Amino acid sequence: AEILVSPRTEGTSVPLKIYSYLQSGKPIVATRLPAHTQVLDDSMAVLVEPTSESLAEGIVCLMKNKEFGYRLGEKAQQVSREHYSMDSYL
């Protein structure tokens, strides 16, 4: 996959896949819900409203702006290393 998507429409628990998404270094599109914003912010993901239209717009944005997606993915990977890796807990 070139773009990783977490389309939750409700909930407050962080989906475990978000940590794998961060580590992958690929651009992320996620809904702007506490389930995601506990970990993600606009510096590392495209956060959208929890509607199919907004999700589609976020995906299209990344498809059209590869460099933007690359920068988001790099930041996500950096955050993963600094805050969620095994080394960060040792």
PDB file of N, CA and C in Angstrom:
ATOM      1  N   ALA A   1       0.834  -1.187   0.000  1.00  0.00           N
ATOM      2  CA  ALA A   1       0.000   0.000   0.000  1.00  0.00           C
ATOM      3  C   ALA A   1       0.875   1.246   0.000  1.00  0.00           C
ATOM      4  N   GLU A   2       0.464   2.235  -0.728  1.00  0.00           N
ATOM      5  CA  GLU A   2       1.187   3.513  -0.757  1.00  0.00           C
ATOM      6  C   GLU A   2       0.688   4.462   0.318  1.00  0.00           C
ATOM      7  N   ILE A   3      -0.586   4.336   0.678  1.00  0.00           N
ATOM      8  CA  ILE A   3      -1.215   5.195   1.682  1.00  0.00           C
ATOM      9  C   ILE A   3      -1.933   4.287   2.673  1.00  0.00           C
ATOM     10  N   LEU A   4      -1.755   4.543   3.958  1.00  0.00           N
ATOM     11  CA  LEU A   4      -2.395   3.743   4.994  1.00  0.00           C
ATOM     12  C   LEU A   4      -3.564   4.531   5.577  1.00  0.00           C
ATOM     13  N   VAL A   5      -4.700   3.851   5.739  1.00  0.00           N
ATOM     14  CA  VAL A   5      -5.936   4.533   6.134  1.00  0.00           C
ATOM     15  C   VAL A   5      -6.526   3.876   7.384  1.00  0.00           C
ATOM     16  N   SER A   6      -6.953   4.709   8.315  1.00  0.00           N
ATOM     17  CA  SER A   6      -7.674   4.237   9.494  1.00  0.00           C
ATOM     18  C   SER A   6      -9.000   5.000   9.552  1.00  0.00           C
ATOM     19  N   PRO A   7     -10.078   4.376   9.053  1.00  0.00           N
ATOM     20  CA  PRO A   7     -11.353   5.081   8.870  1.00  0.00           C
ATOM     21  C   PRO A   7     -12.335   4.989  10.038  1.00  0.00           C
ATOM     22  N   ARG A   8     -11.870   4.952  11.249  1.00  0.00           N
ATOM     23  CA  ARG A   8     -12.793   4.850  12.389  1.00  0.00           C
ATOM     24  C   ARG A   8     -13.802   5.988  12.390  1.00  0.00           C
ATOM     25  N   THR A   9     -15.017   5.659  12.798  1.00  0.00           N
ATOM     26  CA  THR A   9     -16.059   6.684  12.904  1.00  0.00           C
ATOM     27  C   THR A   9     -16.453   6.952  14.353  1.00  0.00           C
ATOM     28  N   GLU A  10     -15.954   6.131  15.262  1.00  0.00           N
ATOM     29  CA  GLU A  10     -16.236   6.325  16.685  1.00  0.00           C
ATOM     30  C   GLU A  10     -15.193   5.583  17.496  1.00  0.00           C
ATOM     31  N   GLY A  11     -15.174   5.869  18.782  1.00  0.00           N
ATOM     32  CA  GLY A  11     -14.265   5.165  19.677  1.00  0.00           C
ATOM     33  C   GLY A  11     -13.182   6.065  20.235  1.00  0.00           C
ATOM     34  N   THR A  12     -12.597   5.605  21.343  1.00  0.00           N
ATOM     35  CA  THR A  12     -11.544   6.375  21.996  1.00  0.00           C
ATOM     36  C   THR A  12     -10.248   5.591  22.162  1.00  0.00           C
ATOM     37  N   SER A  13     -10.275   4.293  21.922  1.00  0.00           N
ATOM     38  CA  SER A  13      -9.068   3.478  22.048  1.00  0.00           C
ATOM     39  C   SER A  13      -8.245   3.562  20.773  1.00  0.00           C
ATOM     40  N   VAL A  14      -6.944   3.766  20.928  1.00  0.00           N
ATOM     41  CA  VAL A  14      -6.052   3.846  19.770  1.00  0.00           C
ATOM     42  C   VAL A  14      -5.979   2.474  19.106  1.00  0.00           C
ATOM     43  N   PRO A  15      -6.278   2.392  17.803  1.00  0.00           N
ATOM     44  CA  PRO A  15      -6.140   1.114  17.103  1.00  0.00           C
ATOM     45  C   PRO A  15      -4.660   0.710  17.076  1.00  0.00           C
ATOM     46  N   LEU A  16      -4.362  -0.532  17.384  1.00  0.00           N
ATOM     47  CA  LEU A  16      -2.973  -0.982  17.414  1.00  0.00           C
ATOM     48  C   LEU A  16      -2.270  -0.788  16.079  1.00  0.00           C
ATOM     49  N   LYS A  17      -3.017  -0.855  14.988  1.00  0.00           N
ATOM     50  CA  LYS A  17      -2.392  -0.703  13.675  1.00  0.00           C
ATOM     51  C   LYS A  17      -1.746   0.666  13.502  1.00  0.00           C
ATOM     52  N   ILE A  18      -2.170   1.663  14.266  1.00  0.00           N
ATOM     53  CA  ILE A  18      -1.596   3.006  14.144  1.00  0.00           C
ATOM     54  C   ILE A  18      -0.097   2.965  14.438  1.00  0.00           C
ATOM     55  N   TYR A  19       0.327   2.171  15.393  1.00  0.00           N
ATOM     56  CA  TYR A  19       1.753   2.087  15.721  1.00  0.00           C
ATOM     57  C   TYR A  19       2.541   1.445  14.575  1.00  0.00           C
ATOM     58  N   SER A  20       1.962   0.456  13.925  1.00  0.00           N
ATOM     59  CA  SER A  20       2.599  -0.144  12.742  1.00  0.00           C
ATOM     60  C   SER A  20       2.634   0.848  11.593  1.00  0.00           C
ATOM     61  N   TYR A  21       1.555   1.600  11.445  1.00  0.00           N
ATOM     62  CA  TYR A  21       1.503   2.623  10.399  1.00  0.00           C
ATOM     63  C   TYR A  21       2.623   3.643  10.598  1.00  0.00           C
ATOM     64  N   LEU A  22       2.801   4.114  11.824  1.00  0.00           N
ATOM     65  CA  LEU A  22       3.861   5.078  12.111  1.00  0.00           C
ATOM     66  C   LEU A  22       5.226   4.509  11.739  1.00  0.00           C
ATOM     67  N   GLN A  23       5.464   3.292  12.152  1.00  0.00           N
ATOM     68  CA  GLN A  23       6.757   2.652  11.914  1.00  0.00           C
ATOM     69  C   GLN A  23       7.045   2.468  10.431  1.00  0.00           C
ATOM     70  N   SER A  24       6.008   2.292   9.626  1.00  0.00           N
ATOM     71  CA  SER A  24       6.187   2.006   8.196  1.00  0.00           C
ATOM     72  C   SER A  24       6.791   3.170   7.423  1.00  0.00           C
ATOM     73  N   GLY A  25       6.573   4.389   7.894  1.00  0.00           N
ATOM     74  CA  GLY A  25       7.064   5.555   7.167  1.00  0.00           C
ATOM     75  C   GLY A  25       6.214   5.933   5.970  1.00  0.00           C
ATOM     76  N   LYS A  26       5.045   5.326   5.860  1.00  0.00           N
ATOM     77  CA  LYS A  26       4.135   5.654   4.754  1.00  0.00           C
ATOM     78  C   LYS A  26       3.129   6.708   5.217  1.00  0.00           C
ATOM     79  N   PRO A  27       2.584   7.482   4.288  1.00  0.00           N
ATOM     80  CA  PRO A  27       1.608   8.497   4.686  1.00  0.00           C
ATOM     81  C   PRO A  27       0.329   7.863   5.227  1.00  0.00           C
ATOM     82  N   ILE A  28      -0.247   8.538   6.209  1.00  0.00           N
ATOM     83  CA  ILE A  28      -1.428   8.040   6.914  1.00  0.00           C
ATOM     84  C   ILE A  28      -2.588   9.017   6.736  1.00  0.00           C
ATOM     85  N   VAL A  29      -3.769   8.461   6.471  1.00  0.00           N
ATOM     86  CA  VAL A  29      -5.019   9.224   6.519  1.00  0.00           C
ATOM     87  C   VAL A  29      -5.844   8.600   7.641  1.00  0.00           C
ATOM     88  N   ALA A  30      -6.282   9.421   8.575  1.00  0.00           N
ATOM     89  CA  ALA A  30      -7.077   8.922   9.696  1.00  0.00           C
ATOM     90  C   ALA A  30      -8.146   9.947  10.049  1.00  0.00           C
ATOM     91  N   THR A  31      -9.192   9.463  10.665  1.00  0.00           N
ATOM     92  CA  THR A  31     -10.262  10.362  11.085  1.00  0.00           C
ATOM     93  C   THR A  31      -9.832  11.135  12.332  1.00  0.00           C
ATOM     94  N   ARG A  32     -10.310  12.352  12.419  1.00  0.00           N
ATOM     95  CA  ARG A  32      -9.952  13.233  13.532  1.00  0.00           C
ATOM     96  C   ARG A  32     -10.847  12.900  14.734  1.00  0.00           C
ATOM     97  N   LEU A  33     -10.492  11.805  15.403  1.00  0.00           N
ATOM     98  CA  LEU A  33     -11.202  11.337  16.596  1.00  0.00           C
ATOM     99  C   LEU A  33     -10.182  11.090  17.700  1.00  0.00           C
ATOM    100  N   PRO A  34     -10.601  11.107  18.966  1.00  0.00           N
ATOM    101  CA  PRO A  34      -9.656  10.823  20.046  1.00  0.00           C
ATOM    102  C   PRO A  34      -8.906   9.502  19.859  1.00  0.00           C
ATOM    103  N   ALA A  35      -9.534   8.526  19.221  1.00  0.00           N
ATOM    104  CA  ALA A  35      -8.866   7.248  18.963  1.00  0.00           C
ATOM    105  C   ALA A  35      -7.586   7.434  18.158  1.00  0.00           C
ATOM    106  N   HIS A  36      -7.532   8.458  17.344  1.00  0.00           N
ATOM    107  CA  HIS A  36      -6.344   8.731  16.530  1.00  0.00           C
ATOM    108  C   HIS A  36      -5.520   9.886  17.079  1.00  0.00           C
ATOM    109  N   THR A  37      -6.179  10.929  17.551  1.00  0.00           N
ATOM    110  CA  THR A  37      -5.446  12.139  17.935  1.00  0.00           C
ATOM    111  C   THR A  37      -4.690  11.994  19.257  1.00  0.00           C
ATOM    112  N   GLN A  38      -4.870  10.878  19.954  1.00  0.00           N
ATOM    113  CA  GLN A  38      -4.031  10.591  21.116  1.00  0.00           C
ATOM    114  C   GLN A  38      -2.592  10.344  20.684  1.00  0.00           C
ATOM    115  N   VAL A  39      -2.424   9.898  19.431  1.00  0.00           N
ATOM    116  CA  VAL A  39      -1.103   9.555  18.905  1.00  0.00           C
ATOM    117  C   VAL A  39      -0.738  10.425  17.706  1.00  0.00           C
ATOM    118  N   LEU A  40      -1.686  10.642  16.811  1.00  0.00           N
ATOM    119  CA  LEU A  40      -1.421  11.356  15.562  1.00  0.00           C
ATOM    120  C   LEU A  40      -1.734  12.844  15.678  1.00  0.00           C
ATOM    121  N   ASP A  41      -1.012  13.636  14.887  1.00  0.00           N
ATOM    122  CA  ASP A  41      -1.366  15.041  14.716  1.00  0.00           C
ATOM    123  C   ASP A  41      -1.117  15.419  13.257  1.00  0.00           C
ATOM    124  N   ASP A  42      -1.370  16.672  12.934  1.00  0.00           N
ATOM    125  CA  ASP A  42      -1.272  17.115  11.545  1.00  0.00           C
ATOM    126  C   ASP A  42       0.155  17.118  11.000  1.00  0.00           C
ATOM    127  N   SER A  43       1.144  16.978  11.855  1.00  0.00           N
ATOM    128  CA  SER A  43       2.525  16.952  11.373  1.00  0.00           C
ATOM    129  C   SER A  43       2.927  15.592  10.823  1.00  0.00           C
ATOM    130  N   MET A  44       2.123  14.555  11.095  1.00  0.00           N
ATOM    131  CA  MET A  44       2.498  13.205  10.680  1.00  0.00           C
ATOM    132  C   MET A  44       1.388  12.438   9.970  1.00  0.00           C
ATOM    133  N   ALA A  45       0.218  13.053   9.825  1.00  0.00           N
ATOM    134  CA  ALA A  45      -0.907  12.369   9.180  1.00  0.00           C
ATOM    135  C   ALA A  45      -1.883  13.398   8.621  1.00  0.00           C
ATOM    136  N   VAL A  46      -2.657  12.959   7.652  1.00  0.00           N
ATOM    137  CA  VAL A  46      -3.774  13.768   7.173  1.00  0.00           C
ATOM    138  C   VAL A  46      -4.971  13.356   8.025  1.00  0.00           C
ATOM    139  N   LEU A  47      -5.424  14.258   8.872  1.00  0.00           N
ATOM    140  CA  LEU A  47      -6.563  13.990   9.749  1.00  0.00           C
ATOM    141  C   LEU A  47      -7.800  14.626   9.148  1.00  0.00           C
ATOM    142  N   VAL A  48      -8.856  13.815   9.015  1.00  0.00           N
ATOM    143  CA  VAL A  48     -10.066  14.257   8.327  1.00  0.00           C
ATOM    144  C   VAL A  48     -11.291  13.990   9.195  1.00  0.00           C
ATOM    145  N   GLU A  49     -12.390  14.604   8.828  1.00  0.00           N
ATOM    146  CA  GLU A  49     -13.658  14.335   9.502  1.00  0.00           C
ATOM    147  C   GLU A  49     -14.066  12.881   9.224  1.00  0.00           C
ATOM    148  N   PRO A  50     -14.819  12.260  10.137  1.00  0.00           N
ATOM    149  CA  PRO A  50     -15.188  10.852   9.972  1.00  0.00           C
ATOM    150  C   PRO A  50     -16.342  10.634   8.985  1.00  0.00           C
ATOM    151  N   THR A  51     -16.136  11.059   7.749  1.00  0.00           N
ATOM    152  CA  THR A  51     -17.115  10.822   6.681  1.00  0.00           C
ATOM    153  C   THR A  51     -16.391  10.210   5.493  1.00  0.00           C
ATOM    154  N   SER A  52     -17.116   9.492   4.673  1.00  0.00           N
ATOM    155  CA  SER A  52     -16.496   8.874   3.496  1.00  0.00           C
ATOM    156  C   SER A  52     -15.957   9.933   2.543  1.00  0.00           C
ATOM    157  N   GLU A  53     -16.652  11.056   2.433  1.00  0.00           N
ATOM    158  CA  GLU A  53     -16.196  12.127   1.545  1.00  0.00           C
ATOM    159  C   GLU A  53     -14.861  12.700   2.014  1.00  0.00           C
ATOM    160  N   SER A  54     -14.741  12.953   3.302  1.00  0.00           N
ATOM    161  CA  SER A  54     -13.500  13.504   3.847  1.00  0.00           C
ATOM    162  C   SER A  54     -12.348  12.516   3.718  1.00  0.00           C
ATOM    163  N   LEU A  55     -12.626  11.240   3.961  1.00  0.00           N
ATOM    164  CA  LEU A  55     -11.585  10.226   3.789  1.00  0.00           C
ATOM    165  C   LEU A  55     -11.097  10.200   2.347  1.00  0.00           C
ATOM    166  N   ALA A  56     -12.031  10.234   1.409  1.00  0.00           N
ATOM    167  CA  ALA A  56     -11.664  10.229  -0.008  1.00  0.00           C
ATOM    168  C   ALA A  56     -10.821  11.454  -0.348  1.00  0.00           C
ATOM    169  N   GLU A  57     -11.202  12.619   0.165  1.00  0.00           N
ATOM    170  CA  GLU A  57     -10.437  13.843  -0.092  1.00  0.00           C
ATOM    171  C   GLU A  57      -9.018  13.732   0.464  1.00  0.00           C
ATOM    172  N   GLY A  58      -8.881  13.146   1.641  1.00  0.00           N
ATOM    173  CA  GLY A  58      -7.558  12.966   2.238  1.00  0.00           C
ATOM    174  C   GLY A  58      -6.682  12.048   1.411  1.00  0.00           C
ATOM    175  N   ILE A  59      -7.262  10.971   0.915  1.00  0.00           N
ATOM    176  CA  ILE A  59      -6.514  10.025   0.084  1.00  0.00           C
ATOM    177  C   ILE A  59      -6.101  10.680  -1.224  1.00  0.00           C
ATOM    178  N   VAL A  60      -7.028  11.372  -1.864  1.00  0.00           N
ATOM    179  CA  VAL A  60      -6.727  12.053  -3.131  1.00  0.00           C
ATOM    180  C   VAL A  60      -5.641  13.102  -2.920  1.00  0.00           C
ATOM    181  N   CYS A  61      -5.705  13.823  -1.820  1.00  0.00           N
ATOM    182  CA  CYS A  61      -4.682  14.827  -1.509  1.00  0.00           C
ATOM    183  C   CYS A  61      -3.295  14.196  -1.512  1.00  0.00           C
ATOM    184  N   LEU A  62      -3.154  13.049  -0.862  1.00  0.00           N
ATOM    185  CA  LEU A  62      -1.855  12.387  -0.804  1.00  0.00           C
ATOM    186  C   LEU A  62      -1.450  11.796  -2.148  1.00  0.00           C
ATOM    187  N   MET A  63      -2.411  11.336  -2.916  1.00  0.00           N
ATOM    188  CA  MET A  63      -2.093  10.797  -4.243  1.00  0.00           C
ATOM    189  C   MET A  63      -1.574  11.895  -5.167  1.00  0.00           C
ATOM    190  N   LYS A  64      -2.094  13.102  -5.001  1.00  0.00           N
ATOM    191  CA  LYS A  64      -1.687  14.224  -5.853  1.00  0.00           C
ATOM    192  C   LYS A  64      -0.423  14.912  -5.352  1.00  0.00           C
ATOM    193  N   ASN A  65      -0.122  14.754  -4.080  1.00  0.00           N
ATOM    194  CA  ASN A  65       1.012  15.450  -3.458  1.00  0.00           C
ATOM    195  C   ASN A  65       1.972  14.446  -2.829  1.00  0.00           C
ATOM    196  N   LYS A  66       2.713  13.743  -3.668  1.00  0.00           N
ATOM    197  CA  LYS A  66       3.613  12.680  -3.194  1.00  0.00           C
ATOM    198  C   LYS A  66       4.660  13.215  -2.215  1.00  0.00           C
ATOM    199  N   GLU A  67       5.212  14.390  -2.500  1.00  0.00           N
ATOM    200  CA  GLU A  67       6.249  14.959  -1.625  1.00  0.00           C
ATOM    201  C   GLU A  67       5.684  15.256  -0.234  1.00  0.00           C
ATOM    202  N   PHE A  68       4.475  15.780  -0.167  1.00  0.00           N
ATOM    203  CA  PHE A  68       3.806  16.031   1.113  1.00  0.00           C
ATOM    204  C   PHE A  68       3.642  14.717   1.874  1.00  0.00           C
ATOM    205  N   GLY A  69       3.182  13.679   1.182  1.00  0.00           N
ATOM    206  CA  GLY A  69       3.022  12.367   1.801  1.00  0.00           C
ATOM    207  C   GLY A  69       4.340  11.814   2.305  1.00  0.00           C
ATOM    208  N   TYR A  70       5.396  12.013   1.530  1.00  0.00           N
ATOM    209  CA  TYR A  70       6.723  11.549   1.923  1.00  0.00           C
ATOM    210  C   TYR A  70       7.155  12.232   3.225  1.00  0.00           C
ATOM    211  N   ARG A  71       6.943  13.544   3.322  1.00  0.00           N
ATOM    212  CA  ARG A  71       7.323  14.285   4.536  1.00  0.00           C
ATOM    213  C   ARG A  71       6.510  13.814   5.748  1.00  0.00           C
ATOM    214  N   LEU A  72       5.207  13.581   5.547  1.00  0.00           N
ATOM    215  CA  LEU A  72       4.384  13.069   6.648  1.00  0.00           C
ATOM    216  C   LEU A  72       4.894  11.710   7.117  1.00  0.00           C
ATOM    217  N   GLY A  73       5.206  10.836   6.160  1.00  0.00           N
ATOM    218  CA  GLY A  73       5.704   9.507   6.493  1.00  0.00           C
ATOM    219  C   GLY A  73       7.021   9.549   7.249  1.00  0.00           C
ATOM    220  N   GLU A  74       7.916  10.440   6.836  1.00  0.00           N
ATOM    221  CA  GLU A  74       9.195  10.592   7.543  1.00  0.00           C
ATOM    222  C   GLU A  74       8.972  11.034   8.983  1.00  0.00           C
ATOM    223  N   LYS A  75       8.089  12.010   9.173  1.00  0.00           N
ATOM    224  CA  LYS A  75       7.796  12.500  10.521  1.00  0.00           C
ATOM    225  C   LYS A  75       7.160  11.398  11.369  1.00  0.00           C
ATOM    226  N   ALA A  76       6.244  10.638  10.779  1.00  0.00           N
ATOM    227  CA  ALA A  76       5.598   9.542  11.504  1.00  0.00           C
ATOM    228  C   ALA A  76       6.631   8.514  11.953  1.00  0.00           C
ATOM    229  N   GLN A  77       7.555   8.185  11.072  1.00  0.00           N
ATOM    230  CA  GLN A  77       8.585   7.204  11.402  1.00  0.00           C
ATOM    231  C   GLN A  77       9.498   7.734  12.517  1.00  0.00           C
ATOM    232  N   GLN A  78       9.820   9.005  12.469  1.00  0.00           N
ATOM    233  CA  GLN A  78      10.634   9.629  13.514  1.00  0.00           C
ATOM    234  C   GLN A  78       9.915   9.552  14.863  1.00  0.00           C
ATOM    235  N   VAL A  79       8.634   9.877  14.885  1.00  0.00           N
ATOM    236  CA  VAL A  79       7.849   9.813  16.122  1.00  0.00           C
ATOM    237  C   VAL A  79       7.793   8.377  16.637  1.00  0.00           C
ATOM    238  N   SER A  80       7.653   7.427  15.732  1.00  0.00           N
ATOM    239  CA  SER A  80       7.631   6.019  16.116  1.00  0.00           C
ATOM    240  C   SER A  80       8.934   5.633  16.819  1.00  0.00           C
ATOM    241  N   ARG A  81      10.056   6.010  16.230  1.00  0.00           N
ATOM    242  CA  ARG A  81      11.362   5.683  16.825  1.00  0.00           C
ATOM    243  C   ARG A  81      11.539   6.349  18.190  1.00  0.00           C
ATOM    244  N   GLU A  82      11.143   7.623  18.288  1.00  0.00           N
ATOM    245  CA  GLU A  82      11.390   8.389  19.508  1.00  0.00           C
ATOM    246  C   GLU A  82      10.438   8.060  20.658  1.00  0.00           C
ATOM    247  N   HIS A  83       9.208   7.664  20.342  1.00  0.00           N
ATOM    248  CA  HIS A  83       8.203   7.506  21.398  1.00  0.00           C
ATOM    249  C   HIS A  83       7.596   6.110  21.533  1.00  0.00           C
ATOM    250  N   TYR A  84       7.664   5.293  20.496  1.00  0.00           N
ATOM    251  CA  TYR A  84       6.946   4.020  20.539  1.00  0.00           C
ATOM    252  C   TYR A  84       7.806   2.807  20.213  1.00  0.00           C
ATOM    253  N   SER A  85       9.102   2.972  20.075  1.00  0.00           N
ATOM    254  CA  SER A  85       9.974   1.832  19.775  1.00  0.00           C
ATOM    255  C   SER A  85      10.434   1.182  21.079  1.00  0.00           C
ATOM    256  N   MET A  86      10.964  -0.021  20.972  1.00  0.00           N
ATOM    257  CA  MET A  86      11.495  -0.717  22.138  1.00  0.00           C
ATOM    258  C   MET A  86      12.611   0.113  22.778  1.00  0.00           C
ATOM    259  N   ASP A  87      13.467   0.709  21.948  1.00  0.00           N
ATOM    260  CA  ASP A  87      14.575   1.516  22.477  1.00  0.00           C
ATOM    261  C   ASP A  87      14.085   2.710  23.287  1.00  0.00           C
ATOM    262  N   SER A  88      12.942   3.266  22.920  1.00  0.00           N
ATOM    263  CA  SER A  88      12.437   4.435  23.648  1.00  0.00           C
ATOM    264  C   SER A  88      11.976   4.076  25.060  1.00  0.00           C
ATOM    265  N   TYR A  89      11.765   2.783  25.314  1.00  0.00           N
ATOM    266  CA  TYR A  89      11.320   2.348  26.634  1.00  0.00           C
ATOM    267  C   TYR A  89      12.452   1.805  27.493  1.00  0.00           C
ATOM    268  N   LEU A  90      13.628   1.677  26.907  1.00  0.00           N
ATOM    269  CA  LEU A  90      14.756   1.113  27.671  1.00  0.00           C
ATOM    270  C   LEU A  90      15.594   2.177  28.328  1.00  0.00           C
TER     271      LEU A  90
END
